[in-house]
Amino acid sequence: MLLGGEDLLHSSTRSSTEPPPRHPWGLLGAAVLGAALAGLHAVAVPFLAPALRRVCLPFVPATPRQLDNVLRLLPKRPGPLVDIGSGDGRVVIAAAKAGFPAVGYELNPWLVWFSRYRAWRAGVRGCATFYICDLWKVTFSQFSNVVIFGVPQMMPQLEKKLERELGAGARVIACRFPFPGWTPAQVAGQGDDTAWAYDAGAFHSVPSRS
């Protein structure tokens, strides 16, 4: 059908102002990308955000040198080991490989599940155990070896807790930050990789603090 001049004008106006049709594959791709980014954010945030504790203890993975220093301070030590705030499980797994029955306490469930997976991959699932737990709500009296990657704000309070709970034969290893009131029996490494070893027999001889 032939169009008159007015009809041609209206047709030209509609074609120049109406948006081009959207391809369904483009919309689908945008939706998939958005879902992927949302999923990545949901997985990454629990690993990067600090776990909620009485004192904020962020997840900072131990370096290979820090792990070496911890193991250097535990030669032929008897009894089980606990890592307080075990993060992604690398300290517990390294201790299990060295022959320790090793336990990790961690408040962040994402990190605990990831640690269990890593222990399974490393073949030490039978002697590396992880619990979702607040460190202030458990006792460490059953452990002969204690490892902590702490922050300065928590060390005085944790010092008092361990003094009350540990037996005389226990050893405590602090990484990154030392305990303020104890004298270390041994020191390994330097700088950020320093690890301090404290024997419970020494700090039990110090008058008890309330």
N, C-alpha and C. Protein backbone atom coordinates (compact mmCIF):
# COMPACT_ATOMS: atom_id res chain seq x y z
N MET A 1 0.85 -1.19 0.00
CA MET A 1 0.00 0.00 0.00
C MET A 1 0.89 1.24 0.00
N LEU A 2 0.56 2.21 -0.80
CA LEU A 2 1.33 3.44 -0.85
C LEU A 2 0.99 4.32 0.33
N LEU A 3 2.00 5.04 0.85
CA LEU A 3 1.79 5.93 1.98
C LEU A 3 1.81 7.37 1.51
N GLY A 4 0.93 8.16 2.11
CA GLY A 4 0.95 9.57 1.81
C GLY A 4 2.08 10.26 2.53
N GLY A 5 2.22 11.56 2.30
CA GLY A 5 3.30 12.31 2.93
C GLY A 5 3.21 12.31 4.44
N GLU A 6 1.96 12.47 4.98
CA GLU A 6 1.78 12.50 6.43
C GLU A 6 2.12 11.15 7.04
N ASP A 7 1.68 10.08 6.33
CA ASP A 7 1.99 8.74 6.83
C ASP A 7 3.48 8.48 6.83
N LEU A 8 4.17 8.97 5.79
CA LEU A 8 5.62 8.79 5.74
C LEU A 8 6.30 9.53 6.88
N LEU A 9 5.81 10.71 7.23
CA LEU A 9 6.40 11.50 8.31
C LEU A 9 6.26 10.77 9.63
N HIS A 10 5.02 10.24 9.91
CA HIS A 10 4.81 9.51 11.16
C HIS A 10 5.66 8.26 11.22
N SER A 11 5.76 7.58 10.09
CA SER A 11 6.57 6.35 10.06
C SER A 11 8.03 6.66 10.33
N SER A 12 8.54 7.76 9.74
CA SER A 12 9.93 8.16 9.94
C SER A 12 10.19 8.54 11.38
N THR A 13 9.21 9.23 12.01
CA THR A 13 9.37 9.66 13.40
C THR A 13 9.43 8.47 14.34
N ARG A 14 8.54 7.48 14.10
CA ARG A 14 8.53 6.30 14.96
C ARG A 14 9.83 5.53 14.84
N SER A 15 10.35 5.39 13.66
CA SER A 15 11.56 4.59 13.46
C SER A 15 12.78 5.26 14.06
N SER A 16 12.76 6.61 14.14
CA SER A 16 13.95 7.31 14.67
C SER A 16 13.92 7.43 16.18
N THR A 17 12.73 7.33 16.80
CA THR A 17 12.65 7.52 18.24
C THR A 17 12.52 6.22 19.01
N GLU A 18 11.98 5.18 18.42
CA GLU A 18 11.83 3.92 19.14
C GLU A 18 13.18 3.22 19.26
N PRO A 19 13.52 2.66 20.46
CA PRO A 19 14.81 1.96 20.63
C PRO A 19 14.83 0.68 19.84
N PRO A 20 16.00 0.27 19.40
CA PRO A 20 16.10 -0.99 18.66
C PRO A 20 15.76 -2.16 19.56
N PRO A 21 15.21 -3.22 19.02
CA PRO A 21 14.85 -4.37 19.86
C PRO A 21 16.09 -4.99 20.49
N ARG A 22 15.96 -5.43 21.76
CA ARG A 22 17.08 -6.03 22.48
C ARG A 22 17.15 -7.52 22.16
N HIS A 23 18.37 -8.00 21.95
CA HIS A 23 18.55 -9.41 21.64
C HIS A 23 18.44 -10.21 22.94
N PRO A 24 17.66 -11.28 22.97
CA PRO A 24 17.49 -12.04 24.22
C PRO A 24 18.79 -12.60 24.76
N TRP A 25 19.75 -12.91 23.88
CA TRP A 25 21.03 -13.45 24.36
C TRP A 25 21.83 -12.41 25.14
N GLY A 26 21.67 -11.14 24.75
CA GLY A 26 22.36 -10.09 25.49
C GLY A 26 21.83 -9.95 26.90
N LEU A 27 20.52 -10.02 27.05
CA LEU A 27 19.91 -9.96 28.38
C LEU A 27 20.32 -11.16 29.22
N LEU A 28 20.36 -12.33 28.61
CA LEU A 28 20.75 -13.55 29.33
C LEU A 28 22.20 -13.45 29.80
N GLY A 29 23.08 -12.93 28.95
CA GLY A 29 24.48 -12.80 29.33
C GLY A 29 24.67 -11.85 30.50
N ALA A 30 23.92 -10.73 30.48
CA ALA A 30 24.01 -9.78 31.59
C ALA A 30 23.53 -10.42 32.89
N ALA A 31 22.46 -11.21 32.80
CA ALA A 31 21.94 -11.87 34.00
C ALA A 31 22.94 -12.88 34.56
N VAL A 32 23.56 -13.65 33.67
CA VAL A 32 24.55 -14.64 34.11
C VAL A 32 25.75 -13.96 34.76
N LEU A 33 26.23 -12.88 34.15
CA LEU A 33 27.37 -12.15 34.71
C LEU A 33 27.04 -11.59 36.08
N GLY A 34 25.83 -11.02 36.22
CA GLY A 34 25.43 -10.48 37.51
C GLY A 34 25.35 -11.55 38.58
N ALA A 35 24.81 -12.71 38.22
CA ALA A 35 24.71 -13.82 39.18
C ALA A 35 26.10 -14.31 39.59
N ALA A 36 27.01 -14.37 38.61
CA ALA A 36 28.37 -14.83 38.92
C ALA A 36 29.08 -13.88 39.87
N LEU A 37 28.94 -12.58 39.63
CA LEU A 37 29.58 -11.60 40.51
C LEU A 37 28.98 -11.64 41.90
N ALA A 38 27.66 -11.81 41.99
CA ALA A 38 27.02 -11.91 43.30
C ALA A 38 27.50 -13.14 44.05
N GLY A 39 27.65 -14.27 43.33
CA GLY A 39 28.14 -15.49 43.97
C GLY A 39 29.57 -15.35 44.44
N LEU A 40 30.42 -14.72 43.62
CA LEU A 40 31.80 -14.49 44.00
C LEU A 40 31.90 -13.62 45.24
N HIS A 41 31.07 -12.59 45.31
CA HIS A 41 31.06 -11.72 46.48
C HIS A 41 30.63 -12.49 47.73
N ALA A 42 29.63 -13.35 47.59
CA ALA A 42 29.14 -14.11 48.74
C ALA A 42 30.20 -15.07 49.27
N VAL A 43 31.01 -15.63 48.36
CA VAL A 43 32.05 -16.57 48.78
C VAL A 43 33.26 -15.84 49.35
N ALA A 44 33.64 -14.72 48.74
CA ALA A 44 34.87 -14.04 49.12
C ALA A 44 34.76 -13.29 50.43
N VAL A 45 33.59 -12.67 50.68
CA VAL A 45 33.46 -11.82 51.86
C VAL A 45 33.76 -12.56 53.15
N PRO A 46 33.25 -13.79 53.38
CA PRO A 46 33.56 -14.46 54.64
C PRO A 46 35.04 -14.73 54.84
N PHE A 47 35.81 -14.87 53.74
CA PHE A 47 37.23 -15.11 53.87
C PHE A 47 38.00 -13.83 54.19
N LEU A 48 37.49 -12.72 53.74
CA LEU A 48 38.21 -11.47 53.91
C LEU A 48 37.77 -10.68 55.12
N ALA A 49 36.50 -10.81 55.51
CA ALA A 49 35.98 -10.05 56.65
C ALA A 49 36.41 -10.71 57.96
N PRO A 50 36.71 -9.91 58.99
CA PRO A 50 37.07 -10.50 60.28
C PRO A 50 35.91 -11.27 60.87
N ALA A 51 36.23 -12.38 61.52
CA ALA A 51 35.22 -13.12 62.25
C ALA A 51 34.82 -12.31 63.48
N LEU A 52 33.57 -12.49 63.94
CA LEU A 52 33.08 -11.72 65.07
C LEU A 52 33.54 -12.37 66.37
N ARG A 53 34.43 -11.72 67.06
CA ARG A 53 34.92 -12.20 68.33
C ARG A 53 34.86 -11.06 69.33
N ARG A 54 35.10 -11.40 70.60
CA ARG A 54 35.15 -10.34 71.61
C ARG A 54 36.22 -9.33 71.24
N VAL A 55 37.36 -9.80 70.77
CA VAL A 55 38.38 -8.94 70.17
C VAL A 55 38.47 -9.36 68.71
N CYS A 56 38.43 -8.39 67.80
CA CYS A 56 38.40 -8.69 66.37
C CYS A 56 39.69 -9.37 65.94
N LEU A 57 39.59 -10.58 65.40
CA LEU A 57 40.75 -11.34 64.96
C LEU A 57 40.62 -11.61 63.47
N PRO A 58 41.24 -10.80 62.62
CA PRO A 58 41.05 -10.96 61.18
C PRO A 58 41.77 -12.19 60.65
N PHE A 59 41.34 -12.69 59.52
CA PHE A 59 41.97 -13.82 58.88
C PHE A 59 43.12 -13.32 58.00
N VAL A 60 44.34 -13.65 58.44
CA VAL A 60 45.55 -13.35 57.67
C VAL A 60 46.33 -14.65 57.55
N PRO A 61 46.40 -15.24 56.37
CA PRO A 61 47.05 -16.55 56.24
C PRO A 61 48.50 -16.54 56.70
N ALA A 62 48.91 -17.62 57.36
CA ALA A 62 50.30 -17.76 57.77
C ALA A 62 51.18 -17.96 56.54
N THR A 63 52.35 -17.36 56.57
CA THR A 63 53.30 -17.53 55.47
C THR A 63 54.08 -18.84 55.66
N PRO A 64 54.67 -19.37 54.59
CA PRO A 64 55.48 -20.58 54.74
C PRO A 64 56.60 -20.42 55.78
N ARG A 65 57.20 -19.25 55.86
CA ARG A 65 58.26 -19.04 56.85
C ARG A 65 57.70 -19.06 58.27
N GLN A 66 56.52 -18.50 58.47
CA GLN A 66 55.90 -18.56 59.79
C GLN A 66 55.58 -19.99 60.19
N LEU A 67 55.09 -20.78 59.25
CA LEU A 67 54.83 -22.18 59.53
C LEU A 67 56.11 -22.91 59.92
N ASP A 68 57.19 -22.64 59.20
CA ASP A 68 58.48 -23.27 59.52
C ASP A 68 58.93 -22.90 60.93
N ASN A 69 58.74 -21.64 61.30
CA ASN A 69 59.16 -21.20 62.63
C ASN A 69 58.33 -21.87 63.73
N VAL A 70 57.04 -22.04 63.49
CA VAL A 70 56.20 -22.73 64.46
C VAL A 70 56.69 -24.16 64.66
N LEU A 71 56.94 -24.86 63.57
CA LEU A 71 57.37 -26.25 63.67
C LEU A 71 58.77 -26.37 64.29
N ARG A 72 59.61 -25.37 64.10
CA ARG A 72 60.93 -25.38 64.72
C ARG A 72 60.84 -25.32 66.24
N LEU A 73 59.76 -24.74 66.76
CA LEU A 73 59.59 -24.61 68.20
C LEU A 73 58.81 -25.77 68.81
N LEU A 74 58.52 -26.78 67.99
CA LEU A 74 57.74 -27.93 68.47
C LEU A 74 58.43 -29.28 68.24
N PRO A 75 59.74 -29.34 68.26
CA PRO A 75 60.37 -30.64 67.95
C PRO A 75 60.14 -31.65 69.07
N LYS A 76 59.64 -32.81 68.67
CA LYS A 76 59.45 -33.95 69.59
C LYS A 76 58.57 -33.60 70.78
N ARG A 77 57.69 -32.65 70.62
CA ARG A 77 56.77 -32.30 71.69
C ARG A 77 55.68 -33.36 71.79
N PRO A 78 55.34 -33.81 72.99
CA PRO A 78 54.26 -34.78 73.12
C PRO A 78 52.90 -34.09 73.17
N GLY A 79 51.85 -34.88 73.00
CA GLY A 79 50.50 -34.40 73.22
C GLY A 79 49.88 -33.68 72.03
N PRO A 80 48.59 -33.39 72.14
CA PRO A 80 47.85 -32.75 71.05
C PRO A 80 48.16 -31.27 70.94
N LEU A 81 47.83 -30.72 69.75
CA LEU A 81 48.07 -29.30 69.45
C LEU A 81 46.77 -28.64 69.07
N VAL A 82 46.61 -27.38 69.46
CA VAL A 82 45.46 -26.59 69.06
C VAL A 82 45.93 -25.27 68.45
N ASP A 83 45.28 -24.89 67.37
CA ASP A 83 45.51 -23.57 66.77
C ASP A 83 44.29 -22.73 67.08
N ILE A 84 44.48 -21.63 67.80
CA ILE A 84 43.39 -20.76 68.23
C ILE A 84 43.13 -19.73 67.13
N GLY A 85 41.98 -19.81 66.50
CA GLY A 85 41.69 -18.98 65.34
C GLY A 85 42.39 -19.56 64.14
N SER A 86 41.97 -20.77 63.73
CA SER A 86 42.75 -21.57 62.78
C SER A 86 42.63 -21.13 61.33
N GLY A 87 41.77 -20.16 61.03
CA GLY A 87 41.72 -19.62 59.66
C GLY A 87 41.43 -20.68 58.63
N ASP A 88 42.30 -20.79 57.62
CA ASP A 88 42.08 -21.76 56.54
C ASP A 88 42.72 -23.11 56.84
N GLY A 89 43.21 -23.30 58.07
CA GLY A 89 43.67 -24.62 58.52
C GLY A 89 45.10 -24.97 58.24
N ARG A 90 45.89 -24.05 57.69
CA ARG A 90 47.23 -24.43 57.26
C ARG A 90 48.15 -24.80 58.42
N VAL A 91 47.99 -24.17 59.61
CA VAL A 91 48.82 -24.52 60.77
C VAL A 91 48.45 -25.92 61.27
N VAL A 92 47.16 -26.19 61.38
CA VAL A 92 46.69 -27.49 61.86
C VAL A 92 47.14 -28.59 60.90
N ILE A 93 47.02 -28.36 59.61
CA ILE A 93 47.41 -29.36 58.62
C ILE A 93 48.91 -29.61 58.67
N ALA A 94 49.72 -28.56 58.80
CA ALA A 94 51.16 -28.73 58.90
C ALA A 94 51.54 -29.50 60.16
N ALA A 95 50.86 -29.21 61.27
CA ALA A 95 51.13 -29.93 62.51
C ALA A 95 50.73 -31.39 62.39
N ALA A 96 49.59 -31.66 61.74
CA ALA A 96 49.15 -33.04 61.54
C ALA A 96 50.16 -33.81 60.68
N LYS A 97 50.69 -33.17 59.67
CA LYS A 97 51.71 -33.82 58.84
C LYS A 97 52.98 -34.10 59.64
N ALA A 98 53.24 -33.29 60.66
CA ALA A 98 54.41 -33.49 61.51
C ALA A 98 54.17 -34.53 62.61
N GLY A 99 52.95 -35.08 62.67
CA GLY A 99 52.67 -36.14 63.61
C GLY A 99 51.82 -35.78 64.80
N PHE A 100 51.34 -34.55 64.88
CA PHE A 100 50.51 -34.13 66.01
C PHE A 100 49.04 -34.45 65.76
N PRO A 101 48.32 -34.91 66.79
CA PRO A 101 46.87 -34.82 66.71
C PRO A 101 46.52 -33.34 66.86
N ALA A 102 45.96 -32.75 65.83
CA ALA A 102 45.83 -31.28 65.78
C ALA A 102 44.38 -30.87 65.64
N VAL A 103 44.04 -29.79 66.35
CA VAL A 103 42.68 -29.26 66.38
C VAL A 103 42.72 -27.77 66.06
N GLY A 104 41.74 -27.31 65.30
CA GLY A 104 41.61 -25.88 65.04
C GLY A 104 40.26 -25.38 65.50
N TYR A 105 40.26 -24.26 66.23
CA TYR A 105 39.04 -23.58 66.62
C TYR A 105 38.92 -22.29 65.81
N GLU A 106 37.81 -22.14 65.12
CA GLU A 106 37.61 -20.98 64.25
C GLU A 106 36.13 -20.61 64.27
N LEU A 107 35.85 -19.32 64.40
CA LEU A 107 34.47 -18.86 64.47
C LEU A 107 33.80 -18.75 63.11
N ASN A 108 34.58 -18.55 62.07
CA ASN A 108 34.04 -18.35 60.73
C ASN A 108 33.73 -19.70 60.08
N PRO A 109 32.45 -20.04 59.88
CA PRO A 109 32.12 -21.37 59.34
C PRO A 109 32.66 -21.62 57.95
N TRP A 110 32.73 -20.58 57.11
CA TRP A 110 33.28 -20.75 55.77
C TRP A 110 34.72 -21.25 55.83
N LEU A 111 35.50 -20.68 56.73
CA LEU A 111 36.90 -21.09 56.86
C LEU A 111 37.02 -22.50 57.44
N VAL A 112 36.14 -22.86 58.35
CA VAL A 112 36.16 -24.21 58.91
C VAL A 112 35.86 -25.25 57.82
N TRP A 113 34.84 -25.00 57.02
CA TRP A 113 34.50 -25.94 55.95
C TRP A 113 35.65 -26.04 54.94
N PHE A 114 36.26 -24.90 54.63
CA PHE A 114 37.38 -24.91 53.70
C PHE A 114 38.57 -25.66 54.30
N SER A 115 38.80 -25.50 55.61
CA SER A 115 39.90 -26.20 56.28
C SER A 115 39.69 -27.72 56.24
N ARG A 116 38.46 -28.15 56.47
CA ARG A 116 38.17 -29.59 56.40
C ARG A 116 38.42 -30.15 55.01
N TYR A 117 38.07 -29.37 54.01
CA TYR A 117 38.34 -29.79 52.64
C TYR A 117 39.84 -29.87 52.38
N ARG A 118 40.59 -28.89 52.86
CA ARG A 118 42.05 -28.89 52.66
C ARG A 118 42.70 -30.07 53.39
N ALA A 119 42.20 -30.38 54.59
CA ALA A 119 42.74 -31.53 55.34
C ALA A 119 42.48 -32.83 54.59
N TRP A 120 41.29 -32.94 54.00
CA TRP A 120 40.98 -34.12 53.20
C TRP A 120 41.89 -34.22 51.98
N ARG A 121 42.12 -33.09 51.32
CA ARG A 121 43.01 -33.09 50.16
C ARG A 121 44.44 -33.45 50.55
N ALA A 122 44.85 -33.04 51.76
CA ALA A 122 46.22 -33.29 52.21
C ALA A 122 46.39 -34.69 52.80
N GLY A 123 45.30 -35.43 52.95
CA GLY A 123 45.39 -36.78 53.47
C GLY A 123 45.57 -36.87 54.98
N VAL A 124 45.19 -35.81 55.71
CA VAL A 124 45.36 -35.82 57.17
C VAL A 124 44.03 -35.61 57.89
N ARG A 125 42.93 -35.95 57.23
CA ARG A 125 41.62 -35.71 57.81
C ARG A 125 41.45 -36.45 59.14
N GLY A 126 42.11 -37.61 59.29
CA GLY A 126 41.98 -38.39 60.51
C GLY A 126 42.64 -37.78 61.73
N CYS A 127 43.62 -36.90 61.54
CA CYS A 127 44.32 -36.31 62.69
C CYS A 127 44.30 -34.78 62.67
N ALA A 128 43.48 -34.20 61.82
CA ALA A 128 43.29 -32.74 61.78
C ALA A 128 41.80 -32.46 61.88
N THR A 129 41.38 -31.88 63.00
CA THR A 129 39.96 -31.67 63.27
C THR A 129 39.70 -30.18 63.43
N PHE A 130 38.56 -29.72 62.92
CA PHE A 130 38.22 -28.30 62.97
C PHE A 130 36.82 -28.13 63.55
N TYR A 131 36.70 -27.11 64.42
CA TYR A 131 35.43 -26.82 65.07
C TYR A 131 35.05 -25.36 64.86
N ILE A 132 33.76 -25.13 64.63
CA ILE A 132 33.24 -23.76 64.58
C ILE A 132 32.98 -23.35 66.03
N CYS A 133 33.82 -22.48 66.55
CA CYS A 133 33.74 -22.20 67.99
C CYS A 133 34.41 -20.87 68.31
N ASP A 134 33.85 -20.17 69.29
CA ASP A 134 34.43 -18.94 69.83
C ASP A 134 35.53 -19.32 70.82
N LEU A 135 36.72 -18.80 70.61
CA LEU A 135 37.85 -19.19 71.46
C LEU A 135 37.62 -18.86 72.93
N TRP A 136 36.78 -17.88 73.22
CA TRP A 136 36.54 -17.49 74.62
C TRP A 136 35.56 -18.43 75.31
N LYS A 137 34.93 -19.31 74.56
CA LYS A 137 33.92 -20.19 75.13
C LYS A 137 34.37 -21.65 75.23
N VAL A 138 35.65 -21.91 74.99
CA VAL A 138 36.18 -23.26 75.11
C VAL A 138 37.35 -23.25 76.09
N THR A 139 37.70 -24.42 76.58
CA THR A 139 38.87 -24.54 77.45
C THR A 139 39.98 -25.24 76.69
N PHE A 140 41.21 -24.89 77.02
CA PHE A 140 42.37 -25.47 76.34
C PHE A 140 43.16 -26.39 77.27
N SER A 141 42.54 -26.82 78.36
CA SER A 141 43.24 -27.62 79.37
C SER A 141 43.72 -28.96 78.83
N GLN A 142 43.08 -29.48 77.77
CA GLN A 142 43.45 -30.81 77.26
C GLN A 142 44.61 -30.77 76.28
N PHE A 143 45.14 -29.57 75.98
CA PHE A 143 46.18 -29.45 74.97
C PHE A 143 47.55 -29.21 75.61
N SER A 144 48.56 -29.85 75.01
CA SER A 144 49.94 -29.66 75.45
C SER A 144 50.67 -28.62 74.63
N ASN A 145 50.11 -28.30 73.46
CA ASN A 145 50.74 -27.34 72.55
C ASN A 145 49.67 -26.41 72.00
N VAL A 146 49.90 -25.12 72.13
CA VAL A 146 48.93 -24.11 71.72
C VAL A 146 49.60 -23.13 70.77
N VAL A 147 48.96 -22.85 69.65
CA VAL A 147 49.48 -21.89 68.67
C VAL A 147 48.45 -20.79 68.50
N ILE A 148 48.92 -19.55 68.47
CA ILE A 148 48.02 -18.41 68.30
C ILE A 148 48.66 -17.37 67.39
N PHE A 149 47.95 -16.98 66.34
CA PHE A 149 48.31 -15.82 65.53
C PHE A 149 47.34 -14.72 65.96
N GLY A 150 47.73 -13.93 66.93
CA GLY A 150 46.81 -12.99 67.54
C GLY A 150 47.01 -11.55 67.09
N VAL A 151 46.32 -10.67 67.80
CA VAL A 151 46.48 -9.23 67.63
C VAL A 151 46.78 -8.65 69.01
N PRO A 152 47.46 -7.50 69.08
CA PRO A 152 47.87 -6.98 70.39
C PRO A 152 46.73 -6.80 71.38
N GLN A 153 45.55 -6.41 70.90
CA GLN A 153 44.44 -6.11 71.81
C GLN A 153 43.97 -7.34 72.59
N MET A 154 44.16 -8.54 72.05
CA MET A 154 43.64 -9.74 72.69
C MET A 154 44.66 -10.46 73.55
N MET A 155 45.95 -10.15 73.40
CA MET A 155 46.98 -10.96 74.04
C MET A 155 46.93 -10.92 75.57
N PRO A 156 46.73 -9.77 76.22
CA PRO A 156 46.67 -9.79 77.70
C PRO A 156 45.53 -10.64 78.23
N GLN A 157 44.37 -10.57 77.61
CA GLN A 157 43.22 -11.33 78.06
C GLN A 157 43.42 -12.83 77.82
N LEU A 158 43.98 -13.18 76.66
CA LEU A 158 44.25 -14.58 76.36
C LEU A 158 45.34 -15.13 77.28
N GLU A 159 46.29 -14.30 77.61
CA GLU A 159 47.36 -14.69 78.54
C GLU A 159 46.77 -15.19 79.87
N LYS A 160 45.83 -14.44 80.41
CA LYS A 160 45.20 -14.82 81.67
C LYS A 160 44.40 -16.12 81.53
N LYS A 161 43.70 -16.27 80.42
CA LYS A 161 42.91 -17.47 80.19
C LYS A 161 43.81 -18.70 80.13
N LEU A 162 44.91 -18.61 79.41
CA LEU A 162 45.81 -19.76 79.28
C LEU A 162 46.50 -20.07 80.60
N GLU A 163 46.83 -19.06 81.37
CA GLU A 163 47.43 -19.30 82.69
C GLU A 163 46.52 -20.14 83.57
N ARG A 164 45.22 -19.88 83.49
CA ARG A 164 44.25 -20.61 84.30
C ARG A 164 44.06 -22.04 83.81
N GLU A 165 44.16 -22.27 82.51
CA GLU A 165 43.71 -23.54 81.94
C GLU A 165 44.81 -24.53 81.59
N LEU A 166 45.99 -24.08 81.28
CA LEU A 166 47.02 -25.00 80.78
C LEU A 166 47.76 -25.70 81.91
N GLY A 167 48.18 -26.94 81.63
CA GLY A 167 49.00 -27.67 82.58
C GLY A 167 50.44 -27.22 82.54
N ALA A 168 51.21 -27.68 83.53
CA ALA A 168 52.60 -27.21 83.67
C ALA A 168 53.49 -27.65 82.51
N GLY A 169 53.12 -28.71 81.79
CA GLY A 169 53.96 -29.18 80.70
C GLY A 169 53.62 -28.61 79.35
N ALA A 170 52.69 -27.69 79.30
CA ALA A 170 52.23 -27.14 78.01
C ALA A 170 53.22 -26.11 77.46
N ARG A 171 53.15 -25.93 76.15
CA ARG A 171 53.94 -24.89 75.47
C ARG A 171 52.99 -24.06 74.61
N VAL A 172 53.18 -22.75 74.66
CA VAL A 172 52.37 -21.82 73.88
C VAL A 172 53.27 -21.12 72.87
N ILE A 173 52.85 -21.10 71.62
CA ILE A 173 53.62 -20.42 70.58
C ILE A 173 52.78 -19.28 70.01
N ALA A 174 53.31 -18.08 70.12
CA ALA A 174 52.64 -16.89 69.61
C ALA A 174 53.35 -16.42 68.35
N CYS A 175 52.58 -16.08 67.33
CA CYS A 175 53.13 -15.61 66.07
C CYS A 175 52.66 -14.19 65.80
N ARG A 176 53.53 -13.41 65.20
CA ARG A 176 53.30 -12.01 64.85
C ARG A 176 53.37 -11.06 66.05
N PHE A 177 52.72 -11.43 67.16
CA PHE A 177 52.74 -10.56 68.34
C PHE A 177 52.99 -11.42 69.59
N PRO A 178 53.92 -10.99 70.47
CA PRO A 178 54.21 -11.77 71.67
C PRO A 178 53.19 -11.52 72.77
N PHE A 179 53.23 -12.35 73.79
CA PHE A 179 52.44 -12.11 74.99
C PHE A 179 53.16 -11.05 75.83
N PRO A 180 52.43 -10.10 76.39
CA PRO A 180 53.08 -8.97 77.07
C PRO A 180 53.68 -9.30 78.43
N GLY A 181 53.14 -10.30 79.14
CA GLY A 181 53.60 -10.55 80.50
C GLY A 181 54.47 -11.77 80.67
N TRP A 182 54.74 -12.50 79.60
CA TRP A 182 55.53 -13.72 79.69
C TRP A 182 56.91 -13.53 79.07
N THR A 183 57.86 -14.33 79.56
CA THR A 183 59.22 -14.34 79.00
C THR A 183 59.37 -15.58 78.13
N PRO A 184 59.70 -15.43 76.86
CA PRO A 184 59.78 -16.60 75.98
C PRO A 184 60.96 -17.50 76.31
N ALA A 185 60.75 -18.80 76.15
CA ALA A 185 61.84 -19.76 76.33
C ALA A 185 62.69 -19.85 75.07
N GLN A 186 62.05 -19.65 73.91
CA GLN A 186 62.75 -19.67 72.63
C GLN A 186 62.09 -18.69 71.68
N VAL A 187 62.88 -18.23 70.72
CA VAL A 187 62.37 -17.33 69.67
C VAL A 187 62.89 -17.85 68.34
N ALA A 188 62.02 -17.88 67.34
CA ALA A 188 62.42 -18.30 66.00
C ALA A 188 62.00 -17.25 65.00
N GLY A 189 62.88 -16.95 64.05
CA GLY A 189 62.57 -15.99 63.00
C GLY A 189 62.76 -14.55 63.44
N GLN A 190 62.37 -13.65 62.55
CA GLN A 190 62.49 -12.23 62.83
C GLN A 190 61.43 -11.45 62.06
N GLY A 191 61.21 -10.21 62.49
CA GLY A 191 60.22 -9.37 61.83
C GLY A 191 58.82 -9.93 61.96
N ASP A 192 58.04 -9.82 60.89
CA ASP A 192 56.66 -10.31 60.90
C ASP A 192 56.57 -11.82 61.02
N ASP A 193 57.67 -12.52 60.76
CA ASP A 193 57.66 -13.98 60.81
C ASP A 193 58.10 -14.53 62.16
N THR A 194 58.34 -13.67 63.13
CA THR A 194 58.82 -14.12 64.43
C THR A 194 57.78 -14.97 65.15
N ALA A 195 58.25 -16.03 65.81
CA ALA A 195 57.41 -16.87 66.66
C ALA A 195 58.08 -16.97 68.03
N TRP A 196 57.28 -16.83 69.07
CA TRP A 196 57.77 -16.89 70.45
C TRP A 196 57.20 -18.13 71.14
N ALA A 197 58.05 -18.91 71.81
CA ALA A 197 57.60 -20.10 72.52
C ALA A 197 57.67 -19.84 74.02
N TYR A 198 56.56 -20.14 74.71
CA TYR A 198 56.46 -19.94 76.15
C TYR A 198 56.13 -21.28 76.81
N ASP A 199 56.87 -21.62 77.85
CA ASP A 199 56.61 -22.84 78.59
C ASP A 199 55.73 -22.53 79.79
N ALA A 200 54.66 -23.31 79.94
CA ALA A 200 53.69 -23.05 80.99
C ALA A 200 54.30 -23.13 82.38
N GLY A 201 55.30 -23.97 82.55
CA GLY A 201 55.96 -24.06 83.86
C GLY A 201 56.54 -22.75 84.30
N ALA A 202 57.00 -21.93 83.32
CA ALA A 202 57.60 -20.64 83.66
C ALA A 202 56.53 -19.63 84.05
N PHE A 203 55.43 -19.55 83.27
CA PHE A 203 54.45 -18.52 83.63
C PHE A 203 53.54 -18.96 84.76
N HIS A 204 53.51 -20.25 85.09
CA HIS A 204 52.78 -20.68 86.28
C HIS A 204 53.51 -20.28 87.55
N SER A 205 54.81 -20.02 87.44
CA SER A 205 55.57 -19.61 88.62
C SER A 205 55.37 -18.14 88.95
N VAL A 206 54.76 -17.37 87.99
CA VAL A 206 54.46 -15.97 88.21
C VAL A 206 53.18 -15.88 89.05
N PRO A 207 53.10 -14.98 90.03
CA PRO A 207 51.89 -14.86 90.84
C PRO A 207 50.65 -14.69 89.97
N SER A 208 49.58 -15.39 90.32
CA SER A 208 48.34 -15.36 89.55
C SER A 208 47.76 -13.96 89.49
N ARG A 209 47.24 -13.60 88.30
CA ARG A 209 46.61 -12.29 88.12
C ARG A 209 45.12 -12.49 87.96
N SER A 210 44.35 -11.61 88.53
CA SER A 210 42.89 -11.69 88.42
C SER A 210 42.44 -11.09 87.10
